[in-house]
Amino acid sequence: MVLPPPAAAALEAKVRALPFGDPQAEALRRFLGRKSDTVTADKSGRITVPEAMARATGIEKEAVLIGMFDRFQIWNPKTYEEVIAAEDALATEAFKLI
């Protein structure tokens, strides 16, 4: 998932506010710390997915970008097709959220 700076700052503030003695909060901090990275756009507005992240998600030569209103996700095309099949089954219930 790629978060724009305001959304990333809001998430960071929320995580920073979690209690330091809570084992779940500590696990979440470590997880987000090791699974996150900051990237910058080049002059053309392009970003490069860090190699370790691309490798971990199976992204090689092609990727699928999915807009999610204030953020987007980058997927391996095959994995995304599998996720869509599962999401289609949940769509009726998911629309009840709105």
PDB file of N, CA and C in Angstrom:
ATOM      1  N   MET A   1       0.843  -1.160   0.000  1.00  0.00           N
ATOM      2  CA  MET A   1       0.000   0.000   0.000  1.00  0.00           C
ATOM      3  C   MET A   1       0.893   1.230   0.000  1.00  0.00           C
ATOM      4  N   VAL A   2       0.528   2.202  -0.771  1.00  0.00           N
ATOM      5  CA  VAL A   2       1.275   3.454  -0.848  1.00  0.00           C
ATOM      6  C   VAL A   2       0.401   4.553  -0.258  1.00  0.00           C
ATOM      7  N   LEU A   3       0.901   5.182   0.785  1.00  0.00           N
ATOM      8  CA  LEU A   3       0.169   6.246   1.464  1.00  0.00           C
ATOM      9  C   LEU A   3       0.743   7.601   1.092  1.00  0.00           C
ATOM     10  N   PRO A   4      -0.116   8.584   0.826  1.00  0.00           N
ATOM     11  CA  PRO A   4       0.398   9.938   0.612  1.00  0.00           C
ATOM     12  C   PRO A   4       0.880  10.492   1.951  1.00  0.00           C
ATOM     13  N   PRO A   5       1.726  11.511   1.933  1.00  0.00           N
ATOM     14  CA  PRO A   5       2.288  12.034   3.184  1.00  0.00           C
ATOM     15  C   PRO A   5       1.275  12.308   4.300  1.00  0.00           C
ATOM     16  N   PRO A   6       0.125  12.934   4.038  1.00  0.00           N
ATOM     17  CA  PRO A   6      -0.804  13.173   5.161  1.00  0.00           C
ATOM     18  C   PRO A   6      -1.329  11.878   5.790  1.00  0.00           C
ATOM     19  N   ALA A   7      -1.648  10.884   4.972  1.00  0.00           N
ATOM     20  CA  ALA A   7      -2.140   9.609   5.508  1.00  0.00           C
ATOM     21  C   ALA A   7      -1.027   8.876   6.257  1.00  0.00           C
ATOM     22  N   ALA A   8       0.198   8.941   5.736  1.00  0.00           N
ATOM     23  CA  ALA A   8       1.329   8.308   6.424  1.00  0.00           C
ATOM     24  C   ALA A   8       1.572   8.979   7.774  1.00  0.00           C
ATOM     25  N   ALA A   9       1.473  10.298   7.812  1.00  0.00           N
ATOM     26  CA  ALA A   9       1.675  11.025   9.071  1.00  0.00           C
ATOM     27  C   ALA A   9       0.586  10.676  10.081  1.00  0.00           C
ATOM     28  N   ALA A  10      -0.657  10.532   9.614  1.00  0.00           N
ATOM     29  CA  ALA A  10      -1.758  10.171  10.514  1.00  0.00           C
ATOM     30  C   ALA A  10      -1.550   8.767  11.078  1.00  0.00           C
ATOM     31  N   LEU A  11      -1.123   7.835  10.238  1.00  0.00           N
ATOM     32  CA  LEU A  11      -0.853   6.479  10.709  1.00  0.00           C
ATOM     33  C   LEU A  11       0.292   6.475  11.711  1.00  0.00           C
ATOM     34  N   GLU A  12       1.346   7.209  11.395  1.00  0.00           N
ATOM     35  CA  GLU A  12       2.487   7.287  12.306  1.00  0.00           C
ATOM     36  C   GLU A  12       2.079   7.861  13.661  1.00  0.00           C
ATOM     37  N   ALA A  13       1.267   8.901  13.647  1.00  0.00           N
ATOM     38  CA  ALA A  13       0.811   9.503  14.909  1.00  0.00           C
ATOM     39  C   ALA A  13      -0.008   8.506  15.722  1.00  0.00           C
ATOM     40  N   LYS A  14      -0.848   7.752  15.047  1.00  0.00           N
ATOM     41  CA  LYS A  14      -1.676   6.758  15.732  1.00  0.00           C
ATOM     42  C   LYS A  14      -0.806   5.669  16.365  1.00  0.00           C
ATOM     43  N   VAL A  15       0.198   5.213  15.621  1.00  0.00           N
ATOM     44  CA  VAL A  15       1.092   4.172  16.134  1.00  0.00           C
ATOM     45  C   VAL A  15       1.946   4.719  17.275  1.00  0.00           C
ATOM     46  N   ARG A  16       2.427   5.939  17.144  1.00  0.00           N
ATOM     47  CA  ARG A  16       3.230   6.553  18.216  1.00  0.00           C
ATOM     48  C   ARG A  16       2.434   6.699  19.510  1.00  0.00           C
ATOM     49  N   ALA A  17       1.114   6.882  19.396  1.00  0.00           N
ATOM     50  CA  ALA A  17       0.272   7.080  20.579  1.00  0.00           C
ATOM     51  C   ALA A  17      -0.027   5.773  21.319  1.00  0.00           C
ATOM     52  N   LEU A  18       0.280   4.649  20.715  1.00  0.00           N
ATOM     53  CA  LEU A  18       0.022   3.367  21.373  1.00  0.00           C
ATOM     54  C   LEU A  18       0.957   3.197  22.566  1.00  0.00           C
ATOM     55  N   PRO A  19       0.503   2.515  23.625  1.00  0.00           N
ATOM     56  CA  PRO A  19       1.337   2.361  24.816  1.00  0.00           C
ATOM     57  C   PRO A  19       2.586   1.516  24.546  1.00  0.00           C
ATOM     58  N   PHE A  20       3.697   1.942  25.131  1.00  0.00           N
ATOM     59  CA  PHE A  20       4.956   1.239  24.915  1.00  0.00           C
ATOM     60  C   PHE A  20       5.033  -0.098  25.644  1.00  0.00           C
ATOM     61  N   GLY A  21       4.266  -0.282  26.688  1.00  0.00           N
ATOM     62  CA  GLY A  21       4.312  -1.542  27.425  1.00  0.00           C
ATOM     63  C   GLY A  21       3.413  -2.622  26.861  1.00  0.00           C
ATOM     64  N   ASP A  22       2.610  -2.292  25.866  1.00  0.00           N
ATOM     65  CA  ASP A  22       1.662  -3.240  25.289  1.00  0.00           C
ATOM     66  C   ASP A  22       2.378  -4.126  24.263  1.00  0.00           C
ATOM     67  N   PRO A  23       2.398  -5.447  24.472  1.00  0.00           N
ATOM     68  CA  PRO A  23       3.100  -6.342  23.548  1.00  0.00           C
ATOM     69  C   PRO A  23       2.543  -6.288  22.122  1.00  0.00           C
ATOM     70  N   GLN A  24       1.226  -6.111  21.987  1.00  0.00           N
ATOM     71  CA  GLN A  24       0.645  -6.018  20.641  1.00  0.00           C
ATOM     72  C   GLN A  24       1.088  -4.730  19.947  1.00  0.00           C
ATOM     73  N   ALA A  25       1.149  -3.640  20.692  1.00  0.00           N
ATOM     74  CA  ALA A  25       1.595  -2.373  20.124  1.00  0.00           C
ATOM     75  C   ALA A  25       3.054  -2.468  19.688  1.00  0.00           C
ATOM     76  N   GLU A  26       3.860  -3.113  20.508  1.00  0.00           N
ATOM     77  CA  GLU A  26       5.279  -3.283  20.161  1.00  0.00           C
ATOM     78  C   GLU A  26       5.428  -4.152  18.917  1.00  0.00           C
ATOM     79  N   ALA A  27       4.633  -5.220  18.841  1.00  0.00           N
ATOM     80  CA  ALA A  27       4.673  -6.095  17.663  1.00  0.00           C
ATOM     81  C   ALA A  27       4.252  -5.318  16.413  1.00  0.00           C
ATOM     82  N   LEU A  28       3.221  -4.482  16.555  1.00  0.00           N
ATOM     83  CA  LEU A  28       2.767  -3.675  15.429  1.00  0.00           C
ATOM     84  C   LEU A  28       3.850  -2.696  14.985  1.00  0.00           C
ATOM     85  N   ARG A  29       4.502  -2.048  15.932  1.00  0.00           N
ATOM     86  CA  ARG A  29       5.589  -1.117  15.578  1.00  0.00           C
ATOM     87  C   ARG A  29       6.700  -1.832  14.818  1.00  0.00           C
ATOM     88  N   ARG A  30       7.104  -2.994  15.325  1.00  0.00           N
ATOM     89  CA  ARG A  30       8.173  -3.740  14.646  1.00  0.00           C
ATOM     90  C   ARG A  30       7.734  -4.170  13.251  1.00  0.00           C
ATOM     91  N   PHE A  31       6.503  -4.678  13.146  1.00  0.00           N
ATOM     92  CA  PHE A  31       5.995  -5.134  11.858  1.00  0.00           C
ATOM     93  C   PHE A  31       5.983  -3.985  10.853  1.00  0.00           C
ATOM     94  N   LEU A  32       5.381  -2.861  11.241  1.00  0.00           N
ATOM     95  CA  LEU A  32       5.320  -1.721  10.331  1.00  0.00           C
ATOM     96  C   LEU A  32       6.711  -1.178  10.023  1.00  0.00           C
ATOM     97  N   GLY A  33       7.585  -1.203  11.008  1.00  0.00           N
ATOM     98  CA  GLY A  33       8.944  -0.724  10.794  1.00  0.00           C
ATOM     99  C   GLY A  33       9.709  -1.543   9.778  1.00  0.00           C
ATOM    100  N   ARG A  34       9.560  -2.849   9.843  1.00  0.00           N
ATOM    101  CA  ARG A  34      10.328  -3.688   8.911  1.00  0.00           C
ATOM    102  C   ARG A  34       9.649  -3.864   7.557  1.00  0.00           C
ATOM    103  N   LYS A  35       8.352  -3.573   7.481  1.00  0.00           N
ATOM    104  CA  LYS A  35       7.621  -3.745   6.225  1.00  0.00           C
ATOM    105  C   LYS A  35       7.370  -2.425   5.500  1.00  0.00           C
ATOM    106  N   SER A  36       7.879  -1.320   6.047  1.00  0.00           N
ATOM    107  CA  SER A  36       7.619  -0.005   5.463  1.00  0.00           C
ATOM    108  C   SER A  36       8.898   0.621   4.932  1.00  0.00           C
ATOM    109  N   ASP A  37       8.720   1.533   4.014  1.00  0.00           N
ATOM    110  CA  ASP A  37       9.847   2.289   3.490  1.00  0.00           C
ATOM    111  C   ASP A  37       9.299   3.616   2.972  1.00  0.00           C
ATOM    112  N   THR A  38      10.155   4.598   2.914  1.00  0.00           N
ATOM    113  CA  THR A  38       9.789   5.899   2.375  1.00  0.00           C
ATOM    114  C   THR A  38      10.413   6.022   1.000  1.00  0.00           C
ATOM    115  N   VAL A  39       9.614   6.438   0.041  1.00  0.00           N
ATOM    116  CA  VAL A  39      10.128   6.647  -1.313  1.00  0.00           C
ATOM    117  C   VAL A  39       9.777   8.069  -1.743  1.00  0.00           C
ATOM    118  N   THR A  40      10.525   8.567  -2.688  1.00  0.00           N
ATOM    119  CA  THR A  40      10.242   9.891  -3.230  1.00  0.00           C
ATOM    120  C   THR A  40      10.003   9.755  -4.734  1.00  0.00           C
ATOM    121  N   ALA A  41       9.219  10.653  -5.253  1.00  0.00           N
ATOM    122  CA  ALA A  41       8.934  10.659  -6.683  1.00  0.00           C
ATOM    123  C   ALA A  41      10.060  11.384  -7.424  1.00  0.00           C
ATOM    124  N   ASP A  42      10.334  10.922  -8.639  1.00  0.00           N
ATOM    125  CA  ASP A  42      11.318  11.619  -9.451  1.00  0.00           C
ATOM    126  C   ASP A  42      10.650  12.822 -10.126  1.00  0.00           C
ATOM    127  N   LYS A  43      11.364  13.508 -10.990  1.00  0.00           N
ATOM    128  CA  LYS A  43      10.833  14.723 -11.613  1.00  0.00           C
ATOM    129  C   LYS A  43       9.596  14.450 -12.468  1.00  0.00           C
ATOM    130  N   SER A  44       9.439  13.209 -12.906  1.00  0.00           N
ATOM    131  CA  SER A  44       8.268  12.841 -13.712  1.00  0.00           C
ATOM    132  C   SER A  44       7.123  12.295 -12.866  1.00  0.00           C
ATOM    133  N   GLY A  45       7.311  12.258 -11.545  1.00  0.00           N
ATOM    134  CA  GLY A  45       6.266  11.769 -10.658  1.00  0.00           C
ATOM    135  C   GLY A  45       6.270  10.266 -10.457  1.00  0.00           C
ATOM    136  N   ARG A  46       7.330   9.587 -10.906  1.00  0.00           N
ATOM    137  CA  ARG A  46       7.418   8.137 -10.766  1.00  0.00           C
ATOM    138  C   ARG A  46       8.091   7.763  -9.456  1.00  0.00           C
ATOM    139  N   ILE A  47       7.680   6.625  -8.918  1.00  0.00           N
ATOM    140  CA  ILE A  47       8.361   6.075  -7.746  1.00  0.00           C
ATOM    141  C   ILE A  47       8.940   4.722  -8.123  1.00  0.00           C
ATOM    142  N   THR A  48       9.936   4.312  -7.373  1.00  0.00           N
ATOM    143  CA  THR A  48      10.515   2.991  -7.558  1.00  0.00           C
ATOM    144  C   THR A  48      10.181   2.165  -6.329  1.00  0.00           C
ATOM    145  N   VAL A  49       9.609   0.994  -6.561  1.00  0.00           N
ATOM    146  CA  VAL A  49       9.321   0.084  -5.453  1.00  0.00           C
ATOM    147  C   VAL A  49      10.659  -0.463  -4.975  1.00  0.00           C
ATOM    148  N   PRO A  50      10.967  -0.333  -3.684  1.00  0.00           N
ATOM    149  CA  PRO A  50      12.225  -0.879  -3.181  1.00  0.00           C
ATOM    150  C   PRO A  50      12.353  -2.370  -3.535  1.00  0.00           C
ATOM    151  N   GLU A  51      13.548  -2.764  -3.920  1.00  0.00           N
ATOM    152  CA  GLU A  51      13.775  -4.127  -4.416  1.00  0.00           C
ATOM    153  C   GLU A  51      13.304  -5.200  -3.435  1.00  0.00           C
ATOM    154  N   ALA A  52      13.578  -5.024  -2.159  1.00  0.00           N
ATOM    155  CA  ALA A  52      13.165  -6.035  -1.178  1.00  0.00           C
ATOM    156  C   ALA A  52      11.646  -6.160  -1.129  1.00  0.00           C
ATOM    157  N   MET A  53      10.935  -5.053  -1.246  1.00  0.00           N
ATOM    158  CA  MET A  53       9.466  -5.105  -1.239  1.00  0.00           C
ATOM    159  C   MET A  53       8.946  -5.771  -2.503  1.00  0.00           C
ATOM    160  N   ALA A  54       9.524  -5.430  -3.636  1.00  0.00           N
ATOM    161  CA  ALA A  54       9.107  -6.047  -4.894  1.00  0.00           C
ATOM    162  C   ALA A  54       9.329  -7.559  -4.839  1.00  0.00           C
ATOM    163  N   ARG A  55      10.466  -7.962  -4.349  1.00  0.00           N
ATOM    164  CA  ARG A  55      10.777  -9.392  -4.246  1.00  0.00           C
ATOM    165  C   ARG A  55       9.798 -10.098  -3.302  1.00  0.00           C
ATOM    166  N   ALA A  56       9.516  -9.474  -2.158  1.00  0.00           N
ATOM    167  CA  ALA A  56       8.628 -10.078  -1.155  1.00  0.00           C
ATOM    168  C   ALA A  56       7.208 -10.249  -1.684  1.00  0.00           C
ATOM    169  N   THR A  57       6.786  -9.391  -2.596  1.00  0.00           N
ATOM    170  CA  THR A  57       5.424  -9.460  -3.120  1.00  0.00           C
ATOM    171  C   THR A  57       5.339 -10.134  -4.480  1.00  0.00           C
ATOM    172  N   GLY A  58       6.478 -10.562  -5.006  1.00  0.00           N
ATOM    173  CA  GLY A  58       6.484 -11.253  -6.290  1.00  0.00           C
ATOM    174  C   GLY A  58       6.340 -10.329  -7.484  1.00  0.00           C
ATOM    175  N   ILE A  59       6.573  -9.045  -7.284  1.00  0.00           N
ATOM    176  CA  ILE A  59       6.490  -8.105  -8.403  1.00  0.00           C
ATOM    177  C   ILE A  59       7.809  -8.174  -9.165  1.00  0.00           C
ATOM    178  N   GLU A  60       7.700  -8.448 -10.462  1.00  0.00           N
ATOM    179  CA  GLU A  60       8.900  -8.538 -11.287  1.00  0.00           C
ATOM    180  C   GLU A  60       8.852  -7.483 -12.385  1.00  0.00           C
ATOM    181  N   LYS A  61       8.362  -7.861 -13.551  1.00  0.00           N
ATOM    182  CA  LYS A  61       8.352  -6.918 -14.666  1.00  0.00           C
ATOM    183  C   LYS A  61       7.062  -6.122 -14.772  1.00  0.00           C
ATOM    184  N   GLU A  62       5.966  -6.664 -14.250  1.00  0.00           N
ATOM    185  CA  GLU A  62       4.682  -5.989 -14.330  1.00  0.00           C
ATOM    186  C   GLU A  62       4.066  -5.875 -12.952  1.00  0.00           C
ATOM    187  N   ALA A  63       3.251  -4.841 -12.782  1.00  0.00           N
ATOM    188  CA  ALA A  63       2.535  -4.630 -11.529  1.00  0.00           C
ATOM    189  C   ALA A  63       1.166  -4.056 -11.842  1.00  0.00           C
ATOM    190  N   VAL A  64       0.252  -4.237 -10.905  1.00  0.00           N
ATOM    191  CA  VAL A  64      -1.094  -3.678 -11.010  1.00  0.00           C
ATOM    192  C   VAL A  64      -1.216  -2.615  -9.929  1.00  0.00           C
ATOM    193  N   LEU A  65      -1.630  -1.417 -10.310  1.00  0.00           N
ATOM    194  CA  LEU A  65      -1.871  -0.342  -9.342  1.00  0.00           C
ATOM    195  C   LEU A  65      -3.371  -0.192  -9.164  1.00  0.00           C
ATOM    196  N   ILE A  66      -3.817  -0.227  -7.918  1.00  0.00           N
ATOM    197  CA  ILE A  66      -5.235  -0.143  -7.600  1.00  0.00           C
ATOM    198  C   ILE A  66      -5.484   1.098  -6.758  1.00  0.00           C
ATOM    199  N   GLY A  67      -6.271   2.023  -7.273  1.00  0.00           N
ATOM    200  CA  GLY A  67      -6.604   3.233  -6.536  1.00  0.00           C
ATOM    201  C   GLY A  67      -7.587   2.931  -5.417  1.00  0.00           C
ATOM    202  N   MET A  68      -7.367   3.562  -4.271  1.00  0.00           N
ATOM    203  CA  MET A  68      -8.219   3.365  -3.102  1.00  0.00           C
ATOM    204  C   MET A  68      -8.543   4.720  -2.479  1.00  0.00           C
ATOM    205  N   PHE A  69      -9.030   5.640  -3.299  1.00  0.00           N
ATOM    206  CA  PHE A  69      -9.403   6.993  -2.904  1.00  0.00           C
ATOM    207  C   PHE A  69      -8.188   7.823  -2.485  1.00  0.00           C
ATOM    208  N   ASP A  70      -7.694   7.669  -1.245  1.00  0.00           N
ATOM    209  CA  ASP A  70      -6.590   8.511  -0.775  1.00  0.00           C
ATOM    210  C   ASP A  70      -5.266   7.770  -0.737  1.00  0.00           C
ATOM    211  N   ARG A  71      -5.215   6.605  -1.310  1.00  0.00           N
ATOM    212  CA  ARG A  71      -3.984   5.802  -1.350  1.00  0.00           C
ATOM    213  C   ARG A  71      -4.099   4.826  -2.499  1.00  0.00           C
ATOM    214  N   PHE A  72      -3.050   4.065  -2.759  1.00  0.00           N
ATOM    215  CA  PHE A  72      -3.149   3.014  -3.767  1.00  0.00           C
ATOM    216  C   PHE A  72      -2.322   1.818  -3.341  1.00  0.00           C
ATOM    217  N   GLN A  73      -2.621   0.699  -3.985  1.00  0.00           N
ATOM    218  CA  GLN A  73      -1.884  -0.529  -3.716  1.00  0.00           C
ATOM    219  C   GLN A  73      -1.168  -0.955  -4.988  1.00  0.00           C
ATOM    220  N   ILE A  74      -0.040  -1.640  -4.791  1.00  0.00           N
ATOM    221  CA  ILE A  74       0.734  -2.175  -5.908  1.00  0.00           C
ATOM    222  C   ILE A  74       0.770  -3.694  -5.728  1.00  0.00           C
ATOM    223  N   TRP A  75       0.314  -4.416  -6.739  1.00  0.00           N
ATOM    224  CA  TRP A  75       0.173  -5.869  -6.642  1.00  0.00           C
ATOM    225  C   TRP A  75       0.922  -6.602  -7.748  1.00  0.00           C
ATOM    226  N   ASN A  76       1.316  -7.825  -7.444  1.00  0.00           N
ATOM    227  CA  ASN A  76       1.714  -8.789  -8.462  1.00  0.00           C
ATOM    228  C   ASN A  76       0.424  -9.118  -9.217  1.00  0.00           C
ATOM    229  N   PRO A  77       0.411  -9.088 -10.561  1.00  0.00           N
ATOM    230  CA  PRO A  77      -0.835  -9.313 -11.304  1.00  0.00           C
ATOM    231  C   PRO A  77      -1.537 -10.633 -10.965  1.00  0.00           C
ATOM    232  N   LYS A  78      -0.804 -11.711 -10.847  1.00  0.00           N
ATOM    233  CA  LYS A  78      -1.421 -13.017 -10.560  1.00  0.00           C
ATOM    234  C   LYS A  78      -2.046 -13.020  -9.165  1.00  0.00           C
ATOM    235  N   THR A  79      -1.338 -12.497  -8.192  1.00  0.00           N
ATOM    236  CA  THR A  79      -1.856 -12.443  -6.826  1.00  0.00           C
ATOM    237  C   THR A  79      -3.105 -11.585  -6.781  1.00  0.00           C
ATOM    238  N   TYR A  80      -3.115 -10.467  -7.502  1.00  0.00           N
ATOM    239  CA  TYR A  80      -4.282  -9.592  -7.496  1.00  0.00           C
ATOM    240  C   TYR A  80      -5.502 -10.301  -8.074  1.00  0.00           C
ATOM    241  N   GLU A  81      -5.323 -11.076  -9.115  1.00  0.00           N
ATOM    242  CA  GLU A  81      -6.453 -11.819  -9.697  1.00  0.00           C
ATOM    243  C   GLU A  81      -7.045 -12.782  -8.678  1.00  0.00           C
ATOM    244  N   GLU A  82      -6.196 -13.419  -7.870  1.00  0.00           N
ATOM    245  CA  GLU A  82      -6.683 -14.334  -6.836  1.00  0.00           C
ATOM    246  C   GLU A  82      -7.461 -13.565  -5.767  1.00  0.00           C
ATOM    247  N   VAL A  83      -6.971 -12.392  -5.399  1.00  0.00           N
ATOM    248  CA  VAL A  83      -7.638 -11.572  -4.381  1.00  0.00           C
ATOM    249  C   VAL A  83      -8.999 -11.103  -4.890  1.00  0.00           C
ATOM    250  N   ILE A  84      -9.066 -10.706  -6.144  1.00  0.00           N
ATOM    251  CA  ILE A  84     -10.331 -10.247  -6.712  1.00  0.00           C
ATOM    252  C   ILE A  84     -11.383 -11.348  -6.648  1.00  0.00           C
ATOM    253  N   ALA A  85     -10.997 -12.575  -6.930  1.00  0.00           N
ATOM    254  CA  ALA A  85     -11.959 -13.684  -6.873  1.00  0.00           C
ATOM    255  C   ALA A  85     -12.546 -13.811  -5.475  1.00  0.00           C
ATOM    256  N   ALA A  86     -11.722 -13.679  -4.456  1.00  0.00           N
ATOM    257  CA  ALA A  86     -12.208 -13.762  -3.075  1.00  0.00           C
ATOM    258  C   ALA A  86     -13.043 -12.537  -2.720  1.00  0.00           C
ATOM    259  N   GLU A  87     -12.637 -11.354  -3.177  1.00  0.00           N
ATOM    260  CA  GLU A  87     -13.378 -10.133  -2.868  1.00  0.00           C
ATOM    261  C   GLU A  87     -14.761 -10.123  -3.499  1.00  0.00           C
ATOM    262  N   ASP A  88     -14.888 -10.668  -4.688  1.00  0.00           N
ATOM    263  CA  ASP A  88     -16.187 -10.699  -5.349  1.00  0.00           C
ATOM    264  C   ASP A  88     -17.213 -11.440  -4.490  1.00  0.00           C
ATOM    265  N   ALA A  89     -16.766 -12.467  -3.783  1.00  0.00           N
ATOM    266  CA  ALA A  89     -17.666 -13.216  -2.898  1.00  0.00           C
ATOM    267  C   ALA A  89     -18.097 -12.384  -1.703  1.00  0.00           C
ATOM    268  N   LEU A  90     -17.286 -11.400  -1.315  1.00  0.00           N
ATOM    269  CA  LEU A  90     -17.582 -10.559  -0.150  1.00  0.00           C
ATOM    270  C   LEU A  90     -18.295  -9.258  -0.507  1.00  0.00           C
ATOM    271  N   ALA A  91     -18.446  -8.971  -1.768  1.00  0.00           N
ATOM    272  CA  ALA A  91     -18.936  -7.663  -2.202  1.00  0.00           C
ATOM    273  C   ALA A  91     -20.288  -7.300  -1.601  1.00  0.00           C
ATOM    274  N   THR A  92     -21.238  -8.216  -1.603  1.00  0.00           N
ATOM    275  CA  THR A  92     -22.575  -7.898  -1.084  1.00  0.00           C
ATOM    276  C   THR A  92     -22.502  -7.447   0.371  1.00  0.00           C
ATOM    277  N   GLU A  93     -21.776  -8.177   1.181  1.00  0.00           N
ATOM    278  CA  GLU A  93     -21.636  -7.803   2.586  1.00  0.00           C
ATOM    279  C   GLU A  93     -20.803  -6.534   2.744  1.00  0.00           C
ATOM    280  N   ALA A  94     -19.768  -6.383   1.923  1.00  0.00           N
ATOM    281  CA  ALA A  94     -18.895  -5.210   2.016  1.00  0.00           C
ATOM    282  C   ALA A  94     -19.674  -3.925   1.726  1.00  0.00           C
ATOM    283  N   PHE A  95     -20.598  -3.951   0.778  1.00  0.00           N
ATOM    284  CA  PHE A  95     -21.369  -2.752   0.465  1.00  0.00           C
ATOM    285  C   PHE A  95     -22.273  -2.331   1.603  1.00  0.00           C
ATOM    286  N   LYS A  96     -22.566  -3.224   2.515  1.00  0.00           N
ATOM    287  CA  LYS A  96     -23.374  -2.862   3.677  1.00  0.00           C
ATOM    288  C   LYS A  96     -22.610  -1.915   4.608  1.00  0.00           C
ATOM    289  N   LEU A  97     -21.292  -1.854   4.464  1.00  0.00           N
ATOM    290  CA  LEU A  97     -20.497  -0.935   5.271  1.00  0.00           C
ATOM    291  C   LEU A  97     -20.800   0.526   4.966  1.00  0.00           C
ATOM    292  N   ILE A  98     -21.291   0.768   3.759  1.00  0.00           N
ATOM    293  CA  ILE A  98     -21.602   2.153   3.396  1.00  0.00           C
ATOM    294  C   ILE A  98     -23.096   2.350   3.311  1.00  0.00           C
TER     295      ILE A  98
END
